[in-house]
Amino acid sequence: MPKLPHQPLISWLFLLATTIGFTPNSSIATSNLDYLSSIKKFDVHTHERVDEPFIREILDKDNWKYINVCVASRGSESTQSQRENARLLLEKYPRYFAWTTTFNVEGMFEPGWVNSVLKGLKSDFDHGAIGVKAWKNIGMESRTEIIFNWMIPYSDRSGN
């Protein structure tokens, strides 16, 4: 499902409603709105992939910052594209964006996979990533291979 650009507004409205206690008193609402606007807010799970001025306008207006989460869900090209976009957004607009990196599970039982993943993660952290998203494909898409290679003792694989 695509990320809606007004998602921070929905979160903001919920926070506003709970902050002012649904009171009709406009002076309380005004002071709470001023206070709420002054608080730095983080949306800690976004998938912002485009450089659009209106997004930054919304983030400025409501004092938000996005944390982009990269996921390894559609293969290495998609993952690499997400990582590059997240890096560029952070590089250009550090006030608005932070990001978490990820890694692909393809080839996880091949020689060199661990070193390749670690090299990529180090590069991403060197370029500002603040965390790593281990996506659910590790336990879902790769489950058969994981069970066979990691959980079944080698002597049991022949069926004996």
N, C-alpha and C. Protein backbone atom coordinates (compact mmCIF):
# COMPACT_ATOMS: atom_id res chain seq x y z
N MET A 1 0.85 -1.18 0.00
CA MET A 1 0.00 0.00 0.00
C MET A 1 0.89 1.23 0.00
N PRO A 2 0.62 2.22 -0.86
CA PRO A 2 1.49 3.40 -0.92
C PRO A 2 1.38 4.25 0.33
N LYS A 3 2.47 4.90 0.65
CA LYS A 3 2.54 5.82 1.80
C LYS A 3 1.79 7.09 1.45
N LEU A 4 0.85 7.47 2.26
CA LEU A 4 0.10 8.69 2.03
C LEU A 4 0.87 9.88 2.60
N PRO A 5 0.96 10.98 1.84
CA PRO A 5 1.74 12.11 2.33
C PRO A 5 1.15 12.78 3.56
N HIS A 6 -0.11 12.54 3.87
CA HIS A 6 -0.74 13.19 5.02
C HIS A 6 -0.76 12.30 6.26
N GLN A 7 -0.01 11.20 6.26
CA GLN A 7 0.01 10.33 7.43
C GLN A 7 0.43 11.06 8.70
N PRO A 8 1.45 11.95 8.64
CA PRO A 8 1.78 12.69 9.87
C PRO A 8 0.61 13.51 10.37
N LEU A 9 -0.22 14.02 9.47
CA LEU A 9 -1.39 14.80 9.87
C LEU A 9 -2.35 13.95 10.68
N ILE A 10 -2.56 12.71 10.27
CA ILE A 10 -3.45 11.81 11.00
C ILE A 10 -2.91 11.57 12.40
N SER A 11 -1.61 11.29 12.51
CA SER A 11 -0.99 11.09 13.82
C SER A 11 -1.09 12.36 14.65
N TRP A 12 -0.87 13.48 14.02
CA TRP A 12 -0.92 14.78 14.70
C TRP A 12 -2.32 15.04 15.23
N LEU A 13 -3.34 14.75 14.42
CA LEU A 13 -4.72 14.97 14.87
C LEU A 13 -5.07 14.08 16.06
N PHE A 14 -4.61 12.83 16.05
CA PHE A 14 -4.85 11.95 17.19
C PHE A 14 -4.18 12.52 18.44
N LEU A 15 -2.92 12.92 18.29
CA LEU A 15 -2.19 13.48 19.42
C LEU A 15 -2.87 14.76 19.91
N LEU A 16 -3.32 15.58 18.98
CA LEU A 16 -4.01 16.82 19.33
C LEU A 16 -5.28 16.52 20.13
N ALA A 17 -6.05 15.56 19.65
CA ALA A 17 -7.31 15.22 20.32
C ALA A 17 -7.06 14.74 21.74
N THR A 18 -6.02 13.94 21.94
CA THR A 18 -5.73 13.45 23.29
C THR A 18 -5.10 14.54 24.15
N THR A 19 -4.36 15.47 23.52
CA THR A 19 -3.69 16.53 24.28
C THR A 19 -4.70 17.54 24.81
N ILE A 20 -5.66 17.93 23.99
CA ILE A 20 -6.60 18.96 24.43
C ILE A 20 -7.80 18.37 25.15
N GLY A 21 -7.89 17.05 25.18
CA GLY A 21 -8.96 16.39 25.93
C GLY A 21 -10.34 16.69 25.35
N PHE A 22 -10.44 16.97 24.08
CA PHE A 22 -11.69 17.24 23.41
C PHE A 22 -12.44 18.42 24.04
N THR A 23 -11.72 19.38 24.53
CA THR A 23 -12.36 20.51 25.20
C THR A 23 -12.74 21.60 24.20
N PRO A 24 -13.90 22.24 24.38
CA PRO A 24 -14.29 23.32 23.47
C PRO A 24 -13.62 24.65 23.82
N ASN A 25 -12.91 24.73 24.93
CA ASN A 25 -12.27 25.96 25.35
C ASN A 25 -11.15 26.32 24.38
N SER A 26 -11.35 27.38 23.59
CA SER A 26 -10.40 27.72 22.53
C SER A 26 -9.06 28.22 23.06
N SER A 27 -9.03 28.85 24.24
CA SER A 27 -7.75 29.32 24.77
C SER A 27 -6.86 28.14 25.17
N ILE A 28 -7.46 27.10 25.73
CA ILE A 28 -6.69 25.90 26.06
C ILE A 28 -6.21 25.23 24.78
N ALA A 29 -7.12 25.12 23.81
CA ALA A 29 -6.77 24.49 22.54
C ALA A 29 -5.64 25.26 21.86
N THR A 30 -5.68 26.57 21.86
CA THR A 30 -4.65 27.37 21.22
C THR A 30 -3.30 27.16 21.90
N SER A 31 -3.27 27.19 23.23
CA SER A 31 -1.99 27.00 23.91
C SER A 31 -1.46 25.58 23.71
N ASN A 32 -2.35 24.59 23.70
CA ASN A 32 -1.91 23.22 23.46
C ASN A 32 -1.43 23.04 22.02
N LEU A 33 -2.10 23.71 21.07
CA LEU A 33 -1.66 23.64 19.68
C LEU A 33 -0.28 24.25 19.52
N ASP A 34 -0.04 25.36 20.18
CA ASP A 34 1.28 25.99 20.12
C ASP A 34 2.33 25.06 20.72
N TYR A 35 1.99 24.49 21.84
CA TYR A 35 2.92 23.57 22.49
C TYR A 35 3.18 22.35 21.60
N LEU A 36 2.10 21.77 21.06
CA LEU A 36 2.22 20.60 20.20
C LEU A 36 3.08 20.91 18.97
N SER A 37 2.91 22.07 18.40
CA SER A 37 3.70 22.46 17.23
C SER A 37 5.18 22.60 17.58
N SER A 38 5.49 22.93 18.81
CA SER A 38 6.88 23.13 19.20
C SER A 38 7.63 21.82 19.44
N ILE A 39 6.89 20.72 19.62
CA ILE A 39 7.51 19.44 19.91
C ILE A 39 8.02 18.81 18.62
N LYS A 40 9.26 18.35 18.62
CA LYS A 40 9.82 17.62 17.49
C LYS A 40 9.22 16.22 17.48
N LYS A 41 8.64 15.84 16.35
CA LYS A 41 7.99 14.54 16.23
C LYS A 41 8.69 13.70 15.17
N PHE A 42 8.72 12.37 15.39
CA PHE A 42 9.35 11.45 14.45
C PHE A 42 8.34 10.40 14.02
N ASP A 43 8.22 10.21 12.71
CA ASP A 43 7.48 9.07 12.18
C ASP A 43 8.56 8.02 11.95
N VAL A 44 8.60 6.99 12.79
CA VAL A 44 9.72 6.06 12.80
C VAL A 44 9.60 4.92 11.80
N HIS A 45 8.56 4.94 10.98
CA HIS A 45 8.44 3.88 9.97
C HIS A 45 7.77 4.43 8.72
N THR A 46 8.59 4.98 7.85
CA THR A 46 8.08 5.47 6.57
C THR A 46 8.86 4.81 5.44
N HIS A 47 8.31 4.92 4.25
CA HIS A 47 8.97 4.41 3.05
C HIS A 47 8.96 5.53 2.01
N GLU A 48 9.52 6.64 2.38
CA GLU A 48 9.56 7.81 1.49
C GLU A 48 10.66 7.59 0.48
N ARG A 49 10.30 7.60 -0.79
CA ARG A 49 11.27 7.30 -1.85
C ARG A 49 11.48 8.45 -2.82
N VAL A 50 10.73 9.53 -2.67
CA VAL A 50 10.80 10.61 -3.65
C VAL A 50 11.21 11.92 -2.98
N ASP A 51 11.79 12.77 -3.78
CA ASP A 51 12.21 14.10 -3.32
C ASP A 51 11.14 15.09 -3.77
N GLU A 52 10.15 15.30 -2.92
CA GLU A 52 9.03 16.18 -3.24
C GLU A 52 8.97 17.33 -2.24
N PRO A 53 8.97 18.56 -2.72
CA PRO A 53 8.91 19.72 -1.81
C PRO A 53 7.70 19.73 -0.89
N PHE A 54 6.54 19.26 -1.37
CA PHE A 54 5.34 19.32 -0.52
C PHE A 54 5.50 18.44 0.72
N ILE A 55 6.28 17.36 0.62
CA ILE A 55 6.52 16.51 1.80
C ILE A 55 7.28 17.31 2.86
N ARG A 56 8.32 18.01 2.43
CA ARG A 56 9.10 18.80 3.38
C ARG A 56 8.27 19.95 3.96
N GLU A 57 7.36 20.50 3.17
CA GLU A 57 6.48 21.56 3.68
C GLU A 57 5.60 21.01 4.81
N ILE A 58 5.06 19.83 4.62
CA ILE A 58 4.23 19.20 5.65
C ILE A 58 5.07 18.93 6.90
N LEU A 59 6.27 18.41 6.69
CA LEU A 59 7.15 18.11 7.83
C LEU A 59 7.52 19.38 8.58
N ASP A 60 7.77 20.46 7.85
CA ASP A 60 8.08 21.74 8.49
C ASP A 60 6.89 22.26 9.28
N LYS A 61 5.74 22.23 8.64
CA LYS A 61 4.53 22.79 9.26
C LYS A 61 4.23 22.14 10.60
N ASP A 62 4.39 20.82 10.67
CA ASP A 62 4.01 20.10 11.89
C ASP A 62 5.20 19.63 12.72
N ASN A 63 6.42 20.06 12.32
CA ASN A 63 7.64 19.77 13.08
C ASN A 63 7.92 18.27 13.18
N TRP A 64 7.89 17.60 12.01
CA TRP A 64 8.12 16.17 11.92
C TRP A 64 9.46 15.87 11.27
N LYS A 65 9.95 14.66 11.52
CA LYS A 65 11.07 14.09 10.80
C LYS A 65 10.70 12.64 10.49
N TYR A 66 11.01 12.20 9.26
CA TYR A 66 10.73 10.83 8.83
C TYR A 66 11.96 9.96 9.03
N ILE A 67 11.74 8.72 9.45
CA ILE A 67 12.80 7.72 9.43
C ILE A 67 12.39 6.70 8.37
N ASN A 68 13.12 6.72 7.25
CA ASN A 68 12.86 5.79 6.16
C ASN A 68 13.36 4.40 6.51
N VAL A 69 12.51 3.42 6.27
CA VAL A 69 12.86 2.03 6.54
C VAL A 69 13.01 1.30 5.21
N CYS A 70 14.19 0.80 4.96
CA CYS A 70 14.44 0.01 3.75
C CYS A 70 14.11 -1.46 4.06
N VAL A 71 13.50 -2.13 3.08
CA VAL A 71 13.16 -3.54 3.25
C VAL A 71 13.66 -4.34 2.05
N ALA A 72 14.08 -5.55 2.31
CA ALA A 72 14.57 -6.43 1.25
C ALA A 72 13.43 -7.32 0.78
N SER A 73 12.47 -6.73 0.10
CA SER A 73 11.26 -7.48 -0.23
C SER A 73 11.12 -7.85 -1.69
N ARG A 74 11.82 -7.18 -2.58
CA ARG A 74 11.61 -7.44 -4.01
C ARG A 74 12.92 -7.69 -4.75
N GLY A 75 13.89 -8.22 -4.07
CA GLY A 75 15.15 -8.52 -4.74
C GLY A 75 16.19 -7.44 -4.55
N SER A 76 17.39 -7.73 -4.99
CA SER A 76 18.52 -6.86 -4.70
C SER A 76 18.45 -5.52 -5.41
N GLU A 77 17.88 -5.46 -6.61
CA GLU A 77 17.78 -4.16 -7.30
C GLU A 77 16.88 -3.20 -6.54
N SER A 78 15.75 -3.68 -6.08
CA SER A 78 14.82 -2.85 -5.31
C SER A 78 15.47 -2.41 -4.00
N THR A 79 16.14 -3.34 -3.34
CA THR A 79 16.80 -3.02 -2.07
C THR A 79 17.86 -1.96 -2.27
N GLN A 80 18.68 -2.14 -3.30
CA GLN A 80 19.74 -1.17 -3.57
C GLN A 80 19.15 0.19 -3.90
N SER A 81 18.08 0.23 -4.66
CA SER A 81 17.42 1.49 -5.00
C SER A 81 16.89 2.19 -3.74
N GLN A 82 16.27 1.44 -2.85
CA GLN A 82 15.77 2.01 -1.60
C GLN A 82 16.91 2.61 -0.78
N ARG A 83 18.00 1.88 -0.68
CA ARG A 83 19.15 2.34 0.10
C ARG A 83 19.73 3.62 -0.50
N GLU A 84 19.86 3.65 -1.82
CA GLU A 84 20.39 4.85 -2.48
C GLU A 84 19.47 6.05 -2.29
N ASN A 85 18.16 5.84 -2.45
CA ASN A 85 17.21 6.94 -2.25
C ASN A 85 17.24 7.46 -0.82
N ALA A 86 17.30 6.55 0.14
CA ALA A 86 17.33 6.96 1.55
C ALA A 86 18.61 7.75 1.85
N ARG A 87 19.73 7.28 1.31
CA ARG A 87 21.00 8.01 1.50
C ARG A 87 20.93 9.41 0.92
N LEU A 88 20.39 9.51 -0.29
CA LEU A 88 20.30 10.83 -0.95
C LEU A 88 19.39 11.78 -0.19
N LEU A 89 18.26 11.28 0.28
CA LEU A 89 17.35 12.14 1.04
C LEU A 89 18.02 12.64 2.32
N LEU A 90 18.74 11.76 3.01
CA LEU A 90 19.46 12.19 4.21
C LEU A 90 20.54 13.20 3.86
N GLU A 91 21.28 12.93 2.80
CA GLU A 91 22.36 13.82 2.38
C GLU A 91 21.84 15.22 2.06
N LYS A 92 20.73 15.27 1.33
CA LYS A 92 20.17 16.56 0.91
C LYS A 92 19.37 17.24 2.01
N TYR A 93 18.68 16.47 2.83
CA TYR A 93 17.73 17.04 3.79
C TYR A 93 17.84 16.38 5.16
N PRO A 94 18.95 16.53 5.85
CA PRO A 94 19.09 15.86 7.15
C PRO A 94 18.08 16.34 8.20
N ARG A 95 17.52 17.52 8.02
CA ARG A 95 16.49 18.02 8.94
C ARG A 95 15.22 17.17 8.85
N TYR A 96 14.99 16.60 7.67
CA TYR A 96 13.72 15.92 7.42
C TYR A 96 13.79 14.39 7.45
N PHE A 97 14.96 13.83 7.19
CA PHE A 97 15.04 12.39 6.97
C PHE A 97 16.19 11.74 7.73
N ALA A 98 15.92 10.53 8.23
CA ALA A 98 16.93 9.59 8.71
C ALA A 98 16.58 8.27 8.02
N TRP A 99 17.40 7.24 8.22
CA TRP A 99 17.07 5.98 7.54
C TRP A 99 17.67 4.77 8.22
N THR A 100 17.01 3.63 7.99
CA THR A 100 17.54 2.34 8.41
C THR A 100 17.82 1.52 7.15
N THR A 101 18.89 0.79 7.18
CA THR A 101 19.29 -0.03 6.04
C THR A 101 18.70 -1.43 6.17
N THR A 102 19.04 -2.30 5.23
CA THR A 102 18.61 -3.69 5.27
C THR A 102 19.61 -4.52 4.48
N PHE A 103 19.33 -5.79 4.34
CA PHE A 103 20.19 -6.68 3.55
C PHE A 103 19.33 -7.75 2.91
N ASN A 104 19.83 -8.29 1.81
CA ASN A 104 19.12 -9.35 1.10
C ASN A 104 19.53 -10.71 1.63
N VAL A 105 18.59 -11.64 1.61
CA VAL A 105 18.89 -13.00 2.06
C VAL A 105 19.29 -13.90 0.90
N GLU A 106 19.16 -13.40 -0.32
CA GLU A 106 19.55 -14.23 -1.47
C GLU A 106 21.02 -14.61 -1.34
N GLY A 107 21.29 -15.88 -1.49
CA GLY A 107 22.66 -16.37 -1.41
C GLY A 107 23.19 -16.52 0.00
N MET A 108 22.30 -16.55 0.98
CA MET A 108 22.76 -16.55 2.37
C MET A 108 23.54 -17.80 2.77
N PHE A 109 23.45 -18.84 1.97
CA PHE A 109 24.21 -20.05 2.28
C PHE A 109 25.40 -20.22 1.35
N GLU A 110 25.67 -19.18 0.59
CA GLU A 110 26.82 -19.21 -0.32
C GLU A 110 28.05 -18.63 0.37
N PRO A 111 29.23 -19.09 -0.03
CA PRO A 111 30.46 -18.52 0.54
C PRO A 111 30.54 -17.02 0.24
N GLY A 112 30.95 -16.27 1.21
CA GLY A 112 31.13 -14.83 1.03
C GLY A 112 29.91 -13.98 1.32
N TRP A 113 28.75 -14.61 1.54
CA TRP A 113 27.53 -13.83 1.77
C TRP A 113 27.65 -12.96 3.02
N VAL A 114 28.12 -13.53 4.12
CA VAL A 114 28.23 -12.78 5.37
C VAL A 114 29.14 -11.58 5.19
N ASN A 115 30.30 -11.80 4.59
CA ASN A 115 31.23 -10.68 4.38
C ASN A 115 30.65 -9.61 3.48
N SER A 116 29.92 -10.03 2.46
CA SER A 116 29.28 -9.07 1.56
C SER A 116 28.23 -8.23 2.30
N VAL A 117 27.41 -8.89 3.11
CA VAL A 117 26.39 -8.18 3.88
C VAL A 117 27.04 -7.21 4.87
N LEU A 118 28.06 -7.67 5.57
CA LEU A 118 28.74 -6.80 6.54
C LEU A 118 29.38 -5.59 5.86
N LYS A 119 29.95 -5.80 4.69
CA LYS A 119 30.55 -4.69 3.93
C LYS A 119 29.48 -3.66 3.55
N GLY A 120 28.32 -4.16 3.08
CA GLY A 120 27.22 -3.26 2.73
C GLY A 120 26.68 -2.50 3.93
N LEU A 121 26.53 -3.18 5.06
CA LEU A 121 26.03 -2.53 6.27
C LEU A 121 27.01 -1.47 6.76
N LYS A 122 28.30 -1.79 6.72
CA LYS A 122 29.30 -0.80 7.14
C LYS A 122 29.23 0.44 6.25
N SER A 123 29.11 0.23 4.96
CA SER A 123 28.99 1.36 4.04
C SER A 123 27.75 2.19 4.36
N ASP A 124 26.65 1.52 4.63
CA ASP A 124 25.40 2.23 4.93
C ASP A 124 25.52 3.03 6.23
N PHE A 125 26.13 2.44 7.25
CA PHE A 125 26.33 3.18 8.50
C PHE A 125 27.29 4.35 8.29
N ASP A 126 28.29 4.15 7.43
CA ASP A 126 29.19 5.26 7.09
C ASP A 126 28.45 6.38 6.37
N HIS A 127 27.32 6.04 5.73
CA HIS A 127 26.51 7.03 5.02
C HIS A 127 25.24 7.41 5.80
N GLY A 128 25.27 7.23 7.11
CA GLY A 128 24.23 7.79 7.95
C GLY A 128 23.10 6.90 8.39
N ALA A 129 23.10 5.62 8.01
CA ALA A 129 22.03 4.74 8.49
C ALA A 129 22.08 4.67 10.01
N ILE A 130 20.91 4.61 10.63
CA ILE A 130 20.85 4.59 12.10
C ILE A 130 20.39 3.24 12.64
N GLY A 131 20.12 2.29 11.75
CA GLY A 131 19.68 0.97 12.19
C GLY A 131 19.59 0.02 11.02
N VAL A 132 19.22 -1.23 11.31
CA VAL A 132 19.08 -2.27 10.29
C VAL A 132 17.71 -2.92 10.43
N LYS A 133 17.00 -3.02 9.33
CA LYS A 133 15.72 -3.72 9.31
C LYS A 133 15.97 -5.13 8.80
N ALA A 134 15.78 -6.13 9.67
CA ALA A 134 15.82 -7.53 9.25
C ALA A 134 14.39 -7.88 8.87
N TRP A 135 14.14 -7.99 7.60
CA TRP A 135 12.77 -8.14 7.12
C TRP A 135 12.26 -9.55 7.34
N LYS A 136 10.95 -9.70 7.33
CA LYS A 136 10.31 -10.98 7.64
C LYS A 136 10.60 -12.09 6.63
N ASN A 137 11.20 -11.74 5.47
CA ASN A 137 11.51 -12.79 4.50
C ASN A 137 12.53 -13.79 5.04
N ILE A 138 13.28 -13.40 6.06
CA ILE A 138 14.25 -14.33 6.65
C ILE A 138 13.52 -15.54 7.22
N GLY A 139 12.38 -15.35 7.81
CA GLY A 139 11.65 -16.47 8.40
C GLY A 139 10.51 -16.97 7.55
N MET A 140 10.21 -16.28 6.46
CA MET A 140 9.09 -16.70 5.63
C MET A 140 9.58 -17.26 4.29
N GLU A 141 10.12 -16.41 3.44
CA GLU A 141 10.55 -16.84 2.12
C GLU A 141 11.70 -17.83 2.19
N SER A 142 12.59 -17.64 3.15
CA SER A 142 13.78 -18.48 3.23
C SER A 142 13.64 -19.61 4.24
N ARG A 143 12.45 -19.83 4.73
CA ARG A 143 12.25 -20.78 5.83
C ARG A 143 12.70 -22.19 5.46
N THR A 144 12.34 -22.67 4.30
CA THR A 144 12.70 -24.04 3.92
C THR A 144 14.21 -24.21 3.92
N GLU A 145 14.90 -23.29 3.32
CA GLU A 145 16.35 -23.37 3.25
C GLU A 145 16.98 -23.22 4.64
N ILE A 146 16.43 -22.34 5.46
CA ILE A 146 16.95 -22.15 6.81
C ILE A 146 16.76 -23.42 7.64
N ILE A 147 15.57 -24.00 7.57
CA ILE A 147 15.31 -25.22 8.34
C ILE A 147 16.25 -26.33 7.87
N PHE A 148 16.38 -26.48 6.57
CA PHE A 148 17.20 -27.57 6.03
C PHE A 148 18.68 -27.40 6.39
N ASN A 149 19.18 -26.18 6.21
CA ASN A 149 20.61 -25.95 6.40
C ASN A 149 21.03 -25.67 7.83
N TRP A 150 20.16 -25.11 8.63
CA TRP A 150 20.57 -24.69 9.97
C TRP A 150 19.97 -25.53 11.08
N MET A 151 18.81 -26.12 10.84
CA MET A 151 18.12 -26.75 11.95
C MET A 151 18.13 -28.27 11.88
N ILE A 152 18.33 -28.85 10.70
CA ILE A 152 18.34 -30.30 10.59
C ILE A 152 19.80 -30.77 10.59
N PRO A 153 20.18 -31.55 11.57
CA PRO A 153 21.56 -32.03 11.59
C PRO A 153 21.90 -32.73 10.28
N TYR A 154 23.14 -32.61 9.84
CA TYR A 154 23.56 -33.13 8.55
C TYR A 154 23.29 -34.62 8.45
N SER A 155 23.50 -35.36 9.51
CA SER A 155 23.31 -36.81 9.47
C SER A 155 21.86 -37.19 9.23
N ASP A 156 20.91 -36.28 9.53
CA ASP A 156 19.48 -36.57 9.36
C ASP A 156 18.97 -36.24 7.95
N ARG A 157 19.78 -35.61 7.12
CA ARG A 157 19.32 -35.18 5.80
C ARG A 157 19.10 -36.33 4.84
N SER A 158 19.78 -37.41 5.03
CA SER A 158 19.64 -38.55 4.11
C SER A 158 18.40 -39.38 4.42
N GLY A 159 17.75 -39.08 5.51
CA GLY A 159 16.58 -39.83 5.91
C GLY A 159 16.91 -41.02 6.77
N ASN A 160 18.16 -41.21 7.08
CA ASN A 160 18.58 -42.35 7.92
C ASN A 160 18.54 -42.00 9.39
